């Protein structure tokens, strides 16, 4: 397949060896961007880079998003390889526990906040200092529909994603006019990360969705690509809900 003409734009997408992050990277490469992708599994990242078109258009940097050294290395290598970072997509997220908030282990709560919220801010700070302060850019944070109301069993995850929406608004205010910051809030998307929410009872879950299906990674990838595009240059501080109509009725998950 002949690659599209290079747009000159460079994007950093965290958690992009598979699922939503990889779909975002695919959408950006399809319109001519080069991408830097991260993930914990070096082999999975290598496969993703090959799928995206190889080292001319993609660079993978393995590591943990909440590791400050990994964040610094990734931003440094991105600028060294491609000269700048125009777009940042904070997609990494974790939810290692399922159960009620009153019984939640506080160390697990701290881990969720560290990965889902603090690391997001860390990426923004580094990318802004390395490139966006001078050149401008756009950021999209991947939140969740669980941020919009009670989500049984994943309350701390929802709380962290609600905080991400507030962080998005704060950063949009502080970084304007040169940097736009928005978020997306997906409902259940067919990924390995969300498997516990639908595996074995998908038909029952889907009944709550007016559009009659779960989300696919490409649904989110296309929306994120739009928010990063020239067609969205008057949009900042917003959260785009991507839910197949779920919030038209009762219940969030």
C-alpha atoms as a PDB file:
ATOM      1  CA  UNK A   1       0.000   0.000   0.000  1.00  0.00           C
ATOM      2  CA  UNK A   2       1.361   3.425  -0.959  1.00  0.00           C
ATOM      3  CA  UNK A   3       1.707   5.607   2.143  1.00  0.00           C
ATOM      4  CA  UNK A   4      -0.169   8.924   2.173  1.00  0.00           C
ATOM      5  CA  UNK A   5       1.773  12.162   1.695  1.00  0.00           C
ATOM      6  CA  UNK A   6       3.487  13.241   4.900  1.00  0.00           C
ATOM      7  CA  UNK A   7       1.604  15.995   6.716  1.00  0.00           C
ATOM      8  CA  UNK A   8       4.662  17.080   8.673  1.00  0.00           C
ATOM      9  CA  UNK A   9       2.779  16.479  11.925  1.00  0.00           C
ATOM     10  CA  UNK A  10       4.110  14.214  14.657  1.00  0.00           C
ATOM     11  CA  UNK A  11       1.970  12.555  17.320  1.00  0.00           C
ATOM     12  CA  UNK A  12       2.849  10.795  20.577  1.00  0.00           C
ATOM     13  CA  UNK A  13       0.252   8.187  21.543  1.00  0.00           C
ATOM     14  CA  UNK A  14       0.596   6.370  24.857  1.00  0.00           C
ATOM     15  CA  UNK A  15      -0.606   2.807  25.335  1.00  0.00           C
ATOM     16  CA  UNK A  16      -0.684   2.191  21.601  1.00  0.00           C
ATOM     17  CA  UNK A  17       0.565  -1.356  21.047  1.00  0.00           C
ATOM     18  CA  UNK A  18      -3.060  -2.504  20.673  1.00  0.00           C
ATOM     19  CA  UNK A  19      -6.689  -1.495  21.177  1.00  0.00           C
ATOM     20  CA  UNK A  20      -7.754   2.128  21.208  1.00  0.00           C
ATOM     21  CA  UNK A  21      -4.220   3.511  21.198  1.00  0.00           C
ATOM     22  CA  UNK A  22      -3.231   1.538  18.108  1.00  0.00           C
ATOM     23  CA  UNK A  23      -6.454   2.570  16.363  1.00  0.00           C
ATOM     24  CA  UNK A  24      -5.634   6.219  17.087  1.00  0.00           C
ATOM     25  CA  UNK A  25      -2.128   5.760  15.689  1.00  0.00           C
ATOM     26  CA  UNK A  26      -3.534   4.061  12.580  1.00  0.00           C
ATOM     27  CA  UNK A  27      -5.941   6.935  11.957  1.00  0.00           C
ATOM     28  CA  UNK A  28      -3.141   9.489  12.275  1.00  0.00           C
ATOM     29  CA  UNK A  29      -0.713   7.596  10.048  1.00  0.00           C
ATOM     30  CA  UNK A  30      -3.475   7.214   7.443  1.00  0.00           C
ATOM     31  CA  UNK A  31      -3.631  10.969   7.073  1.00  0.00           C
ATOM     32  CA  UNK A  32       0.129  11.392   6.843  1.00  0.00           C
ATOM     33  CA  UNK A  33       1.324  11.855  10.403  1.00  0.00           C
ATOM     34  CA  UNK A  34       4.318  10.163  11.938  1.00  0.00           C
ATOM     35  CA  UNK A  35       3.733   8.623  15.341  1.00  0.00           C
ATOM     36  CA  UNK A  36       5.624   7.702  18.463  1.00  0.00           C
ATOM     37  CA  UNK A  37       3.859   4.959  20.398  1.00  0.00           C
ATOM     38  CA  UNK A  38       4.412   3.570  23.879  1.00  0.00           C
ATOM     39  CA  UNK A  39       3.490   0.406  25.733  1.00  0.00           C
ATOM     40  CA  UNK A  40       4.873  -2.004  28.297  1.00  0.00           C
ATOM     41  CA  UNK A  41       5.467  -4.934  25.924  1.00  0.00           C
ATOM     42  CA  UNK A  42       8.450  -4.342  23.621  1.00  0.00           C
ATOM     43  CA  UNK A  43       7.501  -7.199  21.276  1.00  0.00           C
ATOM     44  CA  UNK A  44       3.920  -5.938  20.915  1.00  0.00           C
ATOM     45  CA  UNK A  45       5.232  -2.454  20.196  1.00  0.00           C
ATOM     46  CA  UNK A  46       7.583  -3.796  17.536  1.00  0.00           C
ATOM     47  CA  UNK A  47       4.657  -5.546  15.858  1.00  0.00           C
ATOM     48  CA  UNK A  48       2.567  -2.380  16.045  1.00  0.00           C
ATOM     49  CA  UNK A  49       5.339  -0.298  14.455  1.00  0.00           C
ATOM     50  CA  UNK A  50       5.515  -2.792  11.582  1.00  0.00           C
ATOM     51  CA  UNK A  51       1.735  -2.689  11.185  1.00  0.00           C
ATOM     52  CA  UNK A  52       1.798   1.104  11.069  1.00  0.00           C
ATOM     53  CA  UNK A  53       4.337   1.141   8.244  1.00  0.00           C
ATOM     54  CA  UNK A  54       7.757   0.726   9.810  1.00  0.00           C
ATOM     55  CA  UNK A  55      10.385   3.083  11.234  1.00  0.00           C
ATOM     56  CA  UNK A  56       9.897   5.783   8.610  1.00  0.00           C
ATOM     57  CA  UNK A  57       6.500   6.602  10.077  1.00  0.00           C
ATOM     58  CA  UNK A  58       6.474   5.053  13.554  1.00  0.00           C
ATOM     59  CA  UNK A  59       8.745   4.747  16.574  1.00  0.00           C
ATOM     60  CA  UNK A  60       7.991   2.515  19.569  1.00  0.00           C
ATOM     61  CA  UNK A  61       9.371   3.175  23.041  1.00  0.00           C
ATOM     62  CA  UNK A  62       8.672   0.504  25.642  1.00  0.00           C
ATOM     63  CA  UNK A  63       8.062   1.381  29.274  1.00  0.00           C
ATOM     64  CA  UNK A  64       5.534   2.188  31.966  1.00  0.00           C
ATOM     65  CA  UNK A  65       3.606   5.425  31.605  1.00  0.00           C
ATOM     66  CA  UNK A  66       3.856   6.266  35.308  1.00  0.00           C
ATOM     67  CA  UNK A  67       7.667   5.961  35.168  1.00  0.00           C
ATOM     68  CA  UNK A  68       9.099   9.474  34.900  1.00  0.00           C
ATOM     69  CA  UNK A  69      12.297   8.200  33.291  1.00  0.00           C
ATOM     70  CA  UNK A  70      10.283   6.429  30.577  1.00  0.00           C
ATOM     71  CA  UNK A  71       8.298   9.584  29.852  1.00  0.00           C
ATOM     72  CA  UNK A  72      11.477  11.652  29.585  1.00  0.00           C
ATOM     73  CA  UNK A  73      13.177   9.080  27.324  1.00  0.00           C
ATOM     74  CA  UNK A  74      10.134   8.856  25.050  1.00  0.00           C
ATOM     75  CA  UNK A  75       9.835  12.608  24.542  1.00  0.00           C
ATOM     76  CA  UNK A  76      13.591  12.931  23.979  1.00  0.00           C
ATOM     77  CA  UNK A  77      13.616  10.142  21.397  1.00  0.00           C
ATOM     78  CA  UNK A  78      10.518  11.514  19.670  1.00  0.00           C
ATOM     79  CA  UNK A  79      12.105  14.924  19.177  1.00  0.00           C
ATOM     80  CA  UNK A  80      15.415  13.369  18.131  1.00  0.00           C
ATOM     81  CA  UNK A  81      13.714  11.137  15.555  1.00  0.00           C
ATOM     82  CA  UNK A  82      11.075  13.453  14.142  1.00  0.00           C
ATOM     83  CA  UNK A  83      12.037  16.966  15.266  1.00  0.00           C
ATOM     84  CA  UNK A  84       8.853  17.946  17.099  1.00  0.00           C
ATOM     85  CA  UNK A  85       5.631  16.745  18.746  1.00  0.00           C
ATOM     86  CA  UNK A  86       2.438  18.357  17.452  1.00  0.00           C
ATOM     87  CA  UNK A  87      -0.112  15.998  18.982  1.00  0.00           C
ATOM     88  CA  UNK A  88      -0.303  14.097  22.262  1.00  0.00           C
ATOM     89  CA  UNK A  89      -2.855  11.399  23.026  1.00  0.00           C
ATOM     90  CA  UNK A  90      -2.965  10.229  26.637  1.00  0.00           C
ATOM     91  CA  UNK A  91      -4.508   6.796  26.246  1.00  0.00           C
ATOM     92  CA  UNK A  92      -2.830   4.722  28.973  1.00  0.00           C
ATOM     93  CA  UNK A  93      -5.201   3.628  31.725  1.00  0.00           C
ATOM     94  CA  UNK A  94      -5.474   0.971  34.395  1.00  0.00           C
ATOM     95  CA  UNK A  95      -8.111  -0.585  36.578  1.00  0.00           C
ATOM     96  CA  UNK A  96      -6.523  -3.426  38.569  1.00  0.00           C
ATOM     97  CA  UNK A  97      -9.433  -3.940  40.958  1.00  0.00           C
ATOM     98  CA  UNK A  98     -13.186  -4.541  40.849  1.00  0.00           C
ATOM     99  CA  UNK A  99     -15.442  -3.923  43.819  1.00  0.00           C
ATOM    100  CA  UNK A 100     -16.874  -1.304  46.148  1.00  0.00           C
ATOM    101  CA  UNK A 101     -15.049   1.895  47.017  1.00  0.00           C
ATOM    102  CA  UNK A 102     -15.374   1.370  50.771  1.00  0.00           C
ATOM    103  CA  UNK A 103     -13.434  -1.884  50.494  1.00  0.00           C
ATOM    104  CA  UNK A 104     -10.845  -0.592  48.028  1.00  0.00           C
ATOM    105  CA  UNK A 105      -7.205  -1.102  48.941  1.00  0.00           C
ATOM    106  CA  UNK A 106      -5.692   2.379  49.153  1.00  0.00           C
ATOM    107  CA  UNK A 107      -2.492   1.300  47.436  1.00  0.00           C
ATOM    108  CA  UNK A 108      -4.603   0.240  44.457  1.00  0.00           C
ATOM    109  CA  UNK A 109      -6.339   3.623  44.563  1.00  0.00           C
ATOM    110  CA  UNK A 110      -2.985   5.398  44.491  1.00  0.00           C
ATOM    111  CA  UNK A 111      -1.829   3.282  41.552  1.00  0.00           C
ATOM    112  CA  UNK A 112      -4.973   4.089  39.583  1.00  0.00           C
ATOM    113  CA  UNK A 113      -4.540   7.811  40.180  1.00  0.00           C
ATOM    114  CA  UNK A 114      -0.815   7.695  39.442  1.00  0.00           C
ATOM    115  CA  UNK A 115      -1.267   5.989  36.076  1.00  0.00           C
ATOM    116  CA  UNK A 116      -4.567   7.506  34.930  1.00  0.00           C
ATOM    117  CA  UNK A 117      -4.119  11.067  36.165  1.00  0.00           C
ATOM    118  CA  UNK A 118      -0.652  12.014  37.405  1.00  0.00           C
ATOM    119  CA  UNK A 119       1.126  10.393  34.458  1.00  0.00           C
ATOM    120  CA  UNK A 120      -1.220  12.234  32.081  1.00  0.00           C
ATOM    121  CA  UNK A 121      -0.113  15.542  33.540  1.00  0.00           C
ATOM    122  CA  UNK A 122       3.496  14.384  33.394  1.00  0.00           C
ATOM    123  CA  UNK A 123       3.253  13.692  29.652  1.00  0.00           C
ATOM    124  CA  UNK A 124       1.659  17.084  29.027  1.00  0.00           C
ATOM    125  CA  UNK A 125       4.355  18.928  30.977  1.00  0.00           C
ATOM    126  CA  UNK A 126       7.185  17.232  29.073  1.00  0.00           C
ATOM    127  CA  UNK A 127       5.658  17.546  25.612  1.00  0.00           C
ATOM    128  CA  UNK A 128       4.755  21.174  26.217  1.00  0.00           C
ATOM    129  CA  UNK A 129       8.283  22.022  27.324  1.00  0.00           C
ATOM    130  CA  UNK A 130       9.918  20.056  24.497  1.00  0.00           C
ATOM    131  CA  UNK A 131       7.816  21.272  21.577  1.00  0.00           C
ATOM    132  CA  UNK A 132       4.313  22.662  22.082  1.00  0.00           C
ATOM    133  CA  UNK A 133       5.329  25.771  23.995  1.00  0.00           C
ATOM    134  CA  UNK A 134       7.173  26.928  20.875  1.00  0.00           C
ATOM    135  CA  UNK A 135       5.191  25.325  18.054  1.00  0.00           C
ATOM    136  CA  UNK A 136       1.695  24.880  19.494  1.00  0.00           C
ATOM    137  CA  UNK A 137      -0.285  21.701  19.152  1.00  0.00           C
ATOM    138  CA  UNK A 138      -3.281  19.692  20.307  1.00  0.00           C
ATOM    139  CA  UNK A 139      -3.849  17.135  23.061  1.00  0.00           C
ATOM    140  CA  UNK A 140      -6.565  14.534  23.546  1.00  0.00           C
ATOM    141  CA  UNK A 141      -7.015  12.689  26.833  1.00  0.00           C
ATOM    142  CA  UNK A 142      -8.875   9.372  26.756  1.00  0.00           C
ATOM    143  CA  UNK A 143     -11.306   9.485  29.664  1.00  0.00           C
ATOM    144  CA  UNK A 144     -14.309   7.180  30.082  1.00  0.00           C
ATOM    145  CA  UNK A 145     -18.054   7.207  30.302  1.00  0.00           C
ATOM    146  CA  UNK A 146     -17.538   5.990  33.880  1.00  0.00           C
ATOM    147  CA  UNK A 147     -16.421   9.553  34.626  1.00  0.00           C
ATOM    148  CA  UNK A 148     -19.970  10.813  34.095  1.00  0.00           C
ATOM    149  CA  UNK A 149     -21.747   8.970  36.896  1.00  0.00           C
ATOM    150  CA  UNK A 150     -21.632   5.958  39.211  1.00  0.00           C
ATOM    151  CA  UNK A 151     -20.080   2.882  37.623  1.00  0.00           C
ATOM    152  CA  UNK A 152     -20.584  -0.224  39.775  1.00  0.00           C
ATOM    153  CA  UNK A 153     -17.367  -2.075  40.529  1.00  0.00           C
ATOM    154  CA  UNK A 154     -15.022   0.413  38.880  1.00  0.00           C
ATOM    155  CA  UNK A 155     -15.629   3.464  41.036  1.00  0.00           C
ATOM    156  CA  UNK A 156     -12.011   4.516  41.495  1.00  0.00           C
ATOM    157  CA  UNK A 157     -11.350   4.148  37.801  1.00  0.00           C
ATOM    158  CA  UNK A 158     -14.347   6.406  37.172  1.00  0.00           C
ATOM    159  CA  UNK A 159     -13.121   8.910  39.749  1.00  0.00           C
ATOM    160  CA  UNK A 160      -9.710   9.065  38.087  1.00  0.00           C
ATOM    161  CA  UNK A 161     -11.303   9.584  34.684  1.00  0.00           C
ATOM    162  CA  UNK A 162     -13.588  12.297  36.069  1.00  0.00           C
ATOM    163  CA  UNK A 163     -10.495  14.043  37.385  1.00  0.00           C
ATOM    164  CA  UNK A 164      -8.996  13.697  33.913  1.00  0.00           C
ATOM    165  CA  UNK A 165     -11.927  15.639  32.469  1.00  0.00           C
ATOM    166  CA  UNK A 166     -11.347  18.448  34.962  1.00  0.00           C
ATOM    167  CA  UNK A 167      -7.621  18.322  34.155  1.00  0.00           C
ATOM    168  CA  UNK A 168      -8.508  18.621  30.484  1.00  0.00           C
ATOM    169  CA  UNK A 169     -10.535  21.766  31.132  1.00  0.00           C
ATOM    170  CA  UNK A 170      -7.820  23.298  33.315  1.00  0.00           C
ATOM    171  CA  UNK A 171      -5.093  22.610  30.772  1.00  0.00           C
ATOM    172  CA  UNK A 172      -7.259  23.908  27.939  1.00  0.00           C
ATOM    173  CA  UNK A 173      -7.637  27.191  29.830  1.00  0.00           C
ATOM    174  CA  UNK A 174      -3.973  27.468  30.787  1.00  0.00           C
ATOM    175  CA  UNK A 175      -2.440  26.459  27.446  1.00  0.00           C
ATOM    176  CA  UNK A 176      -4.711  28.482  25.137  1.00  0.00           C
ATOM    177  CA  UNK A 177      -4.438  29.896  22.562  1.00  0.00           C
ATOM    178  CA  UNK A 178      -1.497  27.905  21.197  1.00  0.00           C
ATOM    179  CA  UNK A 179      -2.421  24.446  22.478  1.00  0.00           C
ATOM    180  CA  UNK A 180      -5.877  22.882  22.386  1.00  0.00           C
ATOM    181  CA  UNK A 181      -6.813  20.217  24.936  1.00  0.00           C
ATOM    182  CA  UNK A 182      -9.875  17.977  24.668  1.00  0.00           C
ATOM    183  CA  UNK A 183     -11.024  14.580  25.912  1.00  0.00           C
ATOM    184  CA  UNK A 184     -13.084  11.651  24.716  1.00  0.00           C
ATOM    185  CA  UNK A 185     -15.259   9.519  27.010  1.00  0.00           C
ATOM    186  CA  UNK A 186     -15.899   6.112  25.457  1.00  0.00           C
ATOM    187  CA  UNK A 187     -18.413   3.580  26.706  1.00  0.00           C
ATOM    188  CA  UNK A 188     -17.496  -0.103  26.461  1.00  0.00           C
ATOM    189  CA  UNK A 189     -15.174  -0.719  23.521  1.00  0.00           C
ATOM    190  CA  UNK A 190     -14.291  -4.177  22.296  1.00  0.00           C
ATOM    191  CA  UNK A 191     -10.725  -4.364  23.615  1.00  0.00           C
ATOM    192  CA  UNK A 192      -8.776  -6.707  25.838  1.00  0.00           C
ATOM    193  CA  UNK A 193      -8.717  -4.001  28.523  1.00  0.00           C
ATOM    194  CA  UNK A 194     -12.537  -3.863  28.694  1.00  0.00           C
ATOM    195  CA  UNK A 195     -13.135  -7.578  28.206  1.00  0.00           C
ATOM    196  CA  UNK A 196     -14.365  -8.168  31.757  1.00  0.00           C
ATOM    197  CA  UNK A 197     -17.261  -5.776  31.116  1.00  0.00           C
ATOM    198  CA  UNK A 198     -18.761  -7.803  28.257  1.00  0.00           C
ATOM    199  CA  UNK A 199     -17.121 -11.227  27.896  1.00  0.00           C
ATOM    200  CA  UNK A 200     -19.688 -13.990  28.226  1.00  0.00           C
ATOM    201  CA  UNK A 201     -22.687 -11.639  28.360  1.00  0.00           C
ATOM    202  CA  UNK A 202     -22.226  -9.319  25.397  1.00  0.00           C
ATOM    203  CA  UNK A 203     -25.771  -9.765  24.092  1.00  0.00           C
ATOM    204  CA  UNK A 204     -27.148  -8.554  27.406  1.00  0.00           C
ATOM    205  CA  UNK A 205     -24.739  -5.586  27.536  1.00  0.00           C
ATOM    206  CA  UNK A 206     -25.558  -4.521  23.989  1.00  0.00           C
ATOM    207  CA  UNK A 207     -29.271  -4.247  24.806  1.00  0.00           C
ATOM    208  CA  UNK A 208     -28.492  -0.986  26.632  1.00  0.00           C
ATOM    209  CA  UNK A 209     -26.949   0.577  23.518  1.00  0.00           C
ATOM    210  CA  UNK A 210     -29.430   2.236  21.125  1.00  0.00           C
ATOM    211  CA  UNK A 211     -27.008   1.733  18.228  1.00  0.00           C
ATOM    212  CA  UNK A 212     -27.054  -1.994  18.930  1.00  0.00           C
ATOM    213  CA  UNK A 213     -23.362  -2.742  19.375  1.00  0.00           C
ATOM    214  CA  UNK A 214     -20.301  -2.126  21.490  1.00  0.00           C
ATOM    215  CA  UNK A 215     -17.689   0.325  20.355  1.00  0.00           C
ATOM    216  CA  UNK A 216     -14.771  -0.692  18.190  1.00  0.00           C
ATOM    217  CA  UNK A 217     -11.279   0.800  18.563  1.00  0.00           C
ATOM    218  CA  UNK A 218     -11.626   2.507  15.181  1.00  0.00           C
ATOM    219  CA  UNK A 219     -14.693   4.397  16.464  1.00  0.00           C
ATOM    220  CA  UNK A 220     -12.500   6.052  19.050  1.00  0.00           C
ATOM    221  CA  UNK A 221      -9.512   6.430  16.752  1.00  0.00           C
ATOM    222  CA  UNK A 222     -11.543   8.414  14.247  1.00  0.00           C
ATOM    223  CA  UNK A 223     -12.974  10.724  16.895  1.00  0.00           C
ATOM    224  CA  UNK A 224      -9.567  11.417  18.407  1.00  0.00           C
ATOM    225  CA  UNK A 225      -8.109  12.095  14.969  1.00  0.00           C
ATOM    226  CA  UNK A 226     -10.888  14.622  14.340  1.00  0.00           C
ATOM    227  CA  UNK A 227     -10.193  16.477  17.604  1.00  0.00           C
ATOM    228  CA  UNK A 228      -6.532  16.731  16.613  1.00  0.00           C
ATOM    229  CA  UNK A 229      -7.323  17.923  13.095  1.00  0.00           C
ATOM    230  CA  UNK A 230      -7.584  21.281  11.372  1.00  0.00           C
ATOM    231  CA  UNK A 231     -11.371  20.817  11.353  1.00  0.00           C
ATOM    232  CA  UNK A 232     -11.401  21.146  15.158  1.00  0.00           C
ATOM    233  CA  UNK A 233      -9.328  24.288  15.635  1.00  0.00           C
ATOM    234  CA  UNK A 234     -12.149  26.091  17.501  1.00  0.00           C
ATOM    235  CA  UNK A 235     -12.736  23.240  19.941  1.00  0.00           C
ATOM    236  CA  UNK A 236     -10.949  23.131  23.282  1.00  0.00           C
ATOM    237  CA  UNK A 237     -11.769  22.073  26.826  1.00  0.00           C
ATOM    238  CA  UNK A 238     -14.512  19.720  25.649  1.00  0.00           C
ATOM    239  CA  UNK A 239     -15.264  16.063  26.323  1.00  0.00           C
ATOM    240  CA  UNK A 240     -16.750  14.135  23.409  1.00  0.00           C
ATOM    241  CA  UNK A 241     -18.928  11.265  24.648  1.00  0.00           C
ATOM    242  CA  UNK A 242     -18.603   8.186  22.433  1.00  0.00           C
ATOM    243  CA  UNK A 243     -21.208   5.777  23.718  1.00  0.00           C
ATOM    244  CA  UNK A 244     -23.431   4.368  20.979  1.00  0.00           C
ATOM    245  CA  UNK A 245     -26.319   6.248  22.591  1.00  0.00           C
ATOM    246  CA  UNK A 246     -25.924   4.544  25.988  1.00  0.00           C
ATOM    247  CA  UNK A 247     -26.438   7.699  28.023  1.00  0.00           C
ATOM    248  CA  UNK A 248     -29.783   8.300  26.338  1.00  0.00           C
ATOM    249  CA  UNK A 249     -31.124   5.675  28.729  1.00  0.00           C
ATOM    250  CA  UNK A 250     -30.326   4.573  32.270  1.00  0.00           C
ATOM    251  CA  UNK A 251     -26.986   3.196  33.389  1.00  0.00           C
ATOM    252  CA  UNK A 252     -23.418   3.899  32.392  1.00  0.00           C
ATOM    253  CA  UNK A 253     -21.880   0.434  31.986  1.00  0.00           C
END
